[in-house]
Amino acid sequence: MSECDKKNGINNVLACKFDKLYEITQYQDLINLNIMKTLNDDTDERWYPIHMVDNANAIILGISRLKARPKPILRELYVSEKVDALNDKWVHIKLVHGDG
């Protein structure tokens, strides 16, 4: 991160750091896609949590790509769709696996 901290101006520093976050999340996403391919069984109890990770990665990718600017995030709807999908899976897990 030190190369980012050497940039001039907070916007350049943040842009650099969001680019790093995006790169890291892309790698994380590839690993999770491989996990999804390995499991490939929607009857397994891990199916929904693994797909939640997919949604979470998508949220991070969308926010970091847009440099955490709320108006573009809201305008694009990509993050919103992924948040809803993540929440739907969370509700499912609570209903199916929760304590009541």
N, C-alpha and C. Protein backbone atom coordinates (compact mmCIF):
# COMPACT_ATOMS: atom_id res chain seq x y z
N MET A 1 0.81 -1.20 0.00
CA MET A 1 0.00 0.00 0.00
C MET A 1 0.85 1.26 0.00
N SER A 2 2.12 1.10 0.29
CA SER A 2 2.95 2.30 0.40
C SER A 2 3.01 3.08 -0.91
N GLU A 3 2.94 2.37 -2.05
CA GLU A 3 2.96 3.11 -3.32
C GLU A 3 1.70 3.96 -3.47
N CYS A 4 0.60 3.50 -2.93
CA CYS A 4 -0.64 4.29 -2.98
C CYS A 4 -0.52 5.53 -2.10
N ASP A 5 0.08 5.36 -0.94
CA ASP A 5 0.23 6.49 -0.01
C ASP A 5 1.14 7.58 -0.55
N LYS A 6 1.94 7.24 -1.54
CA LYS A 6 2.85 8.23 -2.15
C LYS A 6 2.18 9.06 -3.24
N LYS A 7 0.96 8.70 -3.61
CA LYS A 7 0.24 9.44 -4.65
C LYS A 7 -0.11 10.83 -4.13
N ASN A 8 -0.28 11.76 -5.06
CA ASN A 8 -0.66 13.12 -4.70
C ASN A 8 -2.17 13.25 -4.60
N GLY A 9 -2.65 13.72 -3.47
CA GLY A 9 -4.07 13.97 -3.29
C GLY A 9 -4.81 12.74 -2.80
N ILE A 10 -5.77 12.97 -1.94
CA ILE A 10 -6.53 11.87 -1.34
C ILE A 10 -7.29 11.06 -2.39
N ASN A 11 -7.81 11.71 -3.43
CA ASN A 11 -8.54 10.97 -4.46
C ASN A 11 -7.65 10.00 -5.20
N ASN A 12 -6.42 10.38 -5.47
CA ASN A 12 -5.48 9.47 -6.13
C ASN A 12 -5.06 8.34 -5.20
N VAL A 13 -4.87 8.65 -3.92
CA VAL A 13 -4.53 7.63 -2.93
C VAL A 13 -5.66 6.61 -2.84
N LEU A 14 -6.88 7.11 -2.70
CA LEU A 14 -8.03 6.21 -2.58
C LEU A 14 -8.26 5.41 -3.86
N ALA A 15 -8.11 6.03 -5.01
CA ALA A 15 -8.28 5.31 -6.28
C ALA A 15 -7.29 4.16 -6.37
N CYS A 16 -6.06 4.41 -5.98
CA CYS A 16 -5.03 3.37 -5.99
C CYS A 16 -5.41 2.23 -5.03
N LYS A 17 -5.87 2.58 -3.85
CA LYS A 17 -6.24 1.56 -2.86
C LYS A 17 -7.47 0.77 -3.30
N PHE A 18 -8.44 1.44 -3.91
CA PHE A 18 -9.60 0.71 -4.43
C PHE A 18 -9.20 -0.21 -5.58
N ASP A 19 -8.23 0.21 -6.40
CA ASP A 19 -7.73 -0.67 -7.46
C ASP A 19 -7.10 -1.93 -6.86
N LYS A 20 -6.35 -1.76 -5.78
CA LYS A 20 -5.74 -2.91 -5.10
C LYS A 20 -6.82 -3.84 -4.53
N LEU A 21 -7.83 -3.25 -3.90
CA LEU A 21 -8.93 -4.03 -3.35
C LEU A 21 -9.63 -4.82 -4.46
N TYR A 22 -9.84 -4.17 -5.60
CA TYR A 22 -10.47 -4.83 -6.74
C TYR A 22 -9.65 -6.03 -7.19
N GLU A 23 -8.33 -5.85 -7.30
CA GLU A 23 -7.44 -6.94 -7.73
C GLU A 23 -7.49 -8.11 -6.76
N ILE A 24 -7.43 -7.82 -5.48
CA ILE A 24 -7.48 -8.87 -4.47
C ILE A 24 -8.81 -9.61 -4.53
N THR A 25 -9.88 -8.88 -4.70
CA THR A 25 -11.21 -9.50 -4.73
C THR A 25 -11.40 -10.34 -5.99
N GLN A 26 -10.79 -9.93 -7.10
CA GLN A 26 -10.85 -10.76 -8.31
C GLN A 26 -10.22 -12.12 -8.04
N TYR A 27 -9.09 -12.12 -7.36
CA TYR A 27 -8.43 -13.39 -7.02
C TYR A 27 -9.30 -14.22 -6.08
N GLN A 28 -9.85 -13.57 -5.08
CA GLN A 28 -10.74 -14.23 -4.13
C GLN A 28 -11.94 -14.82 -4.86
N ASP A 29 -12.47 -14.08 -5.82
CA ASP A 29 -13.61 -14.53 -6.60
C ASP A 29 -13.26 -15.78 -7.41
N LEU A 30 -12.08 -15.82 -8.00
CA LEU A 30 -11.66 -17.00 -8.76
C LEU A 30 -11.58 -18.23 -7.87
N ILE A 31 -11.06 -18.06 -6.66
CA ILE A 31 -10.99 -19.19 -5.73
C ILE A 31 -12.39 -19.67 -5.39
N ASN A 32 -13.29 -18.74 -5.10
CA ASN A 32 -14.65 -19.14 -4.75
C ASN A 32 -15.37 -19.79 -5.93
N LEU A 33 -15.14 -19.30 -7.14
CA LEU A 33 -15.74 -19.94 -8.31
C LEU A 33 -15.26 -21.38 -8.43
N ASN A 34 -13.99 -21.62 -8.11
CA ASN A 34 -13.46 -22.97 -8.12
C ASN A 34 -14.12 -23.83 -7.04
N ILE A 35 -14.37 -23.23 -5.87
CA ILE A 35 -15.07 -23.94 -4.80
C ILE A 35 -16.47 -24.30 -5.28
N MET A 36 -17.15 -23.35 -5.92
CA MET A 36 -18.50 -23.61 -6.43
C MET A 36 -18.50 -24.75 -7.44
N LYS A 37 -17.50 -24.76 -8.30
CA LYS A 37 -17.39 -25.81 -9.31
C LYS A 37 -17.12 -27.16 -8.66
N THR A 38 -16.31 -27.17 -7.61
CA THR A 38 -15.98 -28.41 -6.91
C THR A 38 -17.20 -28.98 -6.18
N LEU A 39 -17.95 -28.14 -5.52
CA LEU A 39 -19.12 -28.61 -4.76
C LEU A 39 -20.25 -28.99 -5.72
N ASN A 40 -20.73 -28.04 -6.51
CA ASN A 40 -21.74 -28.28 -7.55
C ASN A 40 -22.86 -29.22 -7.11
N ASP A 41 -23.42 -28.96 -5.92
CA ASP A 41 -24.48 -29.79 -5.39
C ASP A 41 -25.42 -28.91 -4.56
N ASP A 42 -26.55 -28.55 -5.15
CA ASP A 42 -27.45 -27.62 -4.46
C ASP A 42 -28.19 -28.25 -3.28
N THR A 43 -27.95 -29.54 -3.03
CA THR A 43 -28.54 -30.15 -1.84
C THR A 43 -27.57 -30.11 -0.65
N ASP A 44 -26.34 -29.74 -0.89
CA ASP A 44 -25.34 -29.63 0.18
C ASP A 44 -25.61 -28.37 0.99
N GLU A 45 -25.51 -28.46 2.31
CA GLU A 45 -25.80 -27.31 3.17
C GLU A 45 -24.86 -26.13 2.94
N ARG A 46 -23.72 -26.37 2.33
CA ARG A 46 -22.75 -25.30 2.05
C ARG A 46 -23.06 -24.51 0.78
N TRP A 47 -24.03 -24.99 0.00
CA TRP A 47 -24.36 -24.38 -1.28
C TRP A 47 -24.70 -22.89 -1.14
N TYR A 48 -25.60 -22.57 -0.25
CA TYR A 48 -26.02 -21.17 -0.10
C TYR A 48 -24.90 -20.29 0.47
N PRO A 49 -24.19 -20.72 1.51
CA PRO A 49 -23.10 -19.87 1.99
C PRO A 49 -22.02 -19.62 0.94
N ILE A 50 -21.70 -20.63 0.15
CA ILE A 50 -20.70 -20.44 -0.91
C ILE A 50 -21.21 -19.42 -1.93
N HIS A 51 -22.49 -19.46 -2.25
CA HIS A 51 -23.06 -18.50 -3.18
C HIS A 51 -23.18 -17.12 -2.54
N MET A 52 -23.28 -17.09 -1.22
CA MET A 52 -23.24 -15.79 -0.52
C MET A 52 -21.87 -15.14 -0.69
N VAL A 53 -20.83 -15.94 -0.64
CA VAL A 53 -19.47 -15.42 -0.86
C VAL A 53 -19.38 -14.84 -2.27
N ASP A 54 -19.98 -15.53 -3.24
CA ASP A 54 -20.00 -15.03 -4.61
C ASP A 54 -20.65 -13.65 -4.68
N ASN A 55 -21.79 -13.50 -4.01
CA ASN A 55 -22.47 -12.20 -3.98
C ASN A 55 -21.64 -11.16 -3.25
N ALA A 56 -21.03 -11.55 -2.14
CA ALA A 56 -20.21 -10.60 -1.37
C ALA A 56 -19.03 -10.12 -2.20
N ASN A 57 -18.39 -11.03 -2.91
CA ASN A 57 -17.29 -10.63 -3.79
C ASN A 57 -17.79 -9.67 -4.86
N ALA A 58 -18.94 -9.95 -5.43
CA ALA A 58 -19.51 -9.07 -6.45
C ALA A 58 -19.78 -7.68 -5.89
N ILE A 59 -20.26 -7.62 -4.66
CA ILE A 59 -20.50 -6.33 -4.01
C ILE A 59 -19.20 -5.56 -3.86
N ILE A 60 -18.17 -6.23 -3.37
CA ILE A 60 -16.87 -5.57 -3.20
C ILE A 60 -16.31 -5.12 -4.55
N LEU A 61 -16.42 -5.97 -5.55
CA LEU A 61 -15.94 -5.61 -6.89
C LEU A 61 -16.67 -4.38 -7.43
N GLY A 62 -17.99 -4.37 -7.28
CA GLY A 62 -18.76 -3.23 -7.78
C GLY A 62 -18.44 -1.94 -7.06
N ILE A 63 -18.33 -2.00 -5.75
CA ILE A 63 -18.04 -0.80 -4.97
C ILE A 63 -16.62 -0.32 -5.24
N SER A 64 -15.66 -1.23 -5.27
CA SER A 64 -14.28 -0.80 -5.49
C SER A 64 -14.07 -0.29 -6.91
N ARG A 65 -14.74 -0.91 -7.88
CA ARG A 65 -14.62 -0.45 -9.28
C ARG A 65 -15.12 0.98 -9.43
N LEU A 66 -16.16 1.31 -8.67
CA LEU A 66 -16.74 2.65 -8.74
C LEU A 66 -16.17 3.58 -7.67
N LYS A 67 -15.07 3.14 -7.05
CA LYS A 67 -14.32 3.95 -6.08
C LYS A 67 -15.20 4.44 -4.93
N ALA A 68 -16.17 3.61 -4.54
CA ALA A 68 -17.06 3.87 -3.39
C ALA A 68 -17.86 5.16 -3.53
N ARG A 69 -18.16 5.55 -4.74
CA ARG A 69 -18.98 6.74 -4.98
C ARG A 69 -20.46 6.33 -4.96
N PRO A 70 -21.23 6.80 -3.98
CA PRO A 70 -22.61 6.33 -3.82
C PRO A 70 -23.50 6.53 -5.05
N LYS A 71 -23.45 7.69 -5.68
CA LYS A 71 -24.37 7.93 -6.81
C LYS A 71 -24.14 6.96 -7.96
N PRO A 72 -22.89 6.75 -8.41
CA PRO A 72 -22.70 5.74 -9.47
C PRO A 72 -23.10 4.33 -9.02
N ILE A 73 -22.85 4.01 -7.74
CA ILE A 73 -23.23 2.69 -7.24
C ILE A 73 -24.75 2.52 -7.32
N LEU A 74 -25.48 3.53 -6.90
CA LEU A 74 -26.94 3.47 -6.94
C LEU A 74 -27.48 3.47 -8.38
N ARG A 75 -26.85 4.25 -9.23
CA ARG A 75 -27.30 4.39 -10.61
C ARG A 75 -27.12 3.08 -11.39
N GLU A 76 -26.04 2.39 -11.14
CA GLU A 76 -25.71 1.20 -11.91
C GLU A 76 -26.59 0.00 -11.56
N LEU A 77 -27.04 -0.12 -10.35
CA LEU A 77 -27.91 -1.19 -9.84
C LEU A 77 -27.22 -2.54 -9.64
N TYR A 78 -26.01 -2.72 -10.13
CA TYR A 78 -25.30 -4.00 -9.99
C TYR A 78 -25.13 -4.37 -8.52
N VAL A 79 -24.64 -3.43 -7.72
CA VAL A 79 -24.41 -3.71 -6.30
C VAL A 79 -25.74 -3.99 -5.61
N SER A 80 -26.75 -3.22 -5.95
CA SER A 80 -28.07 -3.42 -5.35
C SER A 80 -28.58 -4.83 -5.60
N GLU A 81 -28.45 -5.31 -6.82
CA GLU A 81 -28.89 -6.66 -7.16
C GLU A 81 -28.13 -7.71 -6.35
N LYS A 82 -26.84 -7.50 -6.18
CA LYS A 82 -26.02 -8.46 -5.44
C LYS A 82 -26.33 -8.41 -3.95
N VAL A 83 -26.61 -7.23 -3.41
CA VAL A 83 -27.00 -7.10 -2.01
C VAL A 83 -28.32 -7.85 -1.79
N ASP A 84 -29.27 -7.65 -2.68
CA ASP A 84 -30.56 -8.36 -2.57
C ASP A 84 -30.37 -9.86 -2.65
N ALA A 85 -29.53 -10.32 -3.57
CA ALA A 85 -29.29 -11.75 -3.72
C ALA A 85 -28.61 -12.32 -2.47
N LEU A 86 -27.66 -11.56 -1.93
CA LEU A 86 -27.00 -11.99 -0.70
C LEU A 86 -28.00 -12.09 0.44
N ASN A 87 -28.84 -11.09 0.57
CA ASN A 87 -29.85 -11.08 1.62
C ASN A 87 -30.85 -12.23 1.45
N ASP A 88 -31.27 -12.51 0.22
CA ASP A 88 -32.18 -13.62 -0.03
C ASP A 88 -31.58 -14.95 0.44
N LYS A 89 -30.30 -15.14 0.17
CA LYS A 89 -29.64 -16.37 0.59
C LYS A 89 -29.53 -16.43 2.11
N TRP A 90 -29.28 -15.29 2.73
CA TRP A 90 -29.20 -15.23 4.19
C TRP A 90 -30.55 -15.60 4.82
N VAL A 91 -31.61 -15.07 4.26
CA VAL A 91 -32.96 -15.39 4.77
C VAL A 91 -33.23 -16.88 4.61
N HIS A 92 -32.85 -17.42 3.47
CA HIS A 92 -33.03 -18.86 3.23
C HIS A 92 -32.29 -19.68 4.28
N ILE A 93 -31.05 -19.34 4.53
CA ILE A 93 -30.24 -20.08 5.51
C ILE A 93 -30.89 -20.01 6.90
N LYS A 94 -31.34 -18.83 7.28
CA LYS A 94 -31.98 -18.69 8.58
C LYS A 94 -33.26 -19.52 8.68
N LEU A 95 -34.04 -19.55 7.60
CA LEU A 95 -35.29 -20.31 7.61
C LEU A 95 -35.02 -21.82 7.64
N VAL A 96 -34.08 -22.26 6.85
CA VAL A 96 -33.84 -23.70 6.72
C VAL A 96 -32.96 -24.24 7.85
N HIS A 97 -31.97 -23.48 8.27
CA HIS A 97 -30.97 -24.00 9.21
C HIS A 97 -31.01 -23.29 10.58
N GLY A 98 -31.86 -22.30 10.71
CA GLY A 98 -31.91 -21.55 11.97
C GLY A 98 -32.58 -22.33 13.09
N ASP A 99 -32.56 -21.72 14.23
CA ASP A 99 -33.14 -22.36 15.42
C ASP A 99 -34.61 -22.02 15.62
N GLY A 100 -35.21 -21.44 14.65
CA GLY A 100 -36.63 -21.16 14.81
C GLY A 100 -36.92 -19.82 14.37
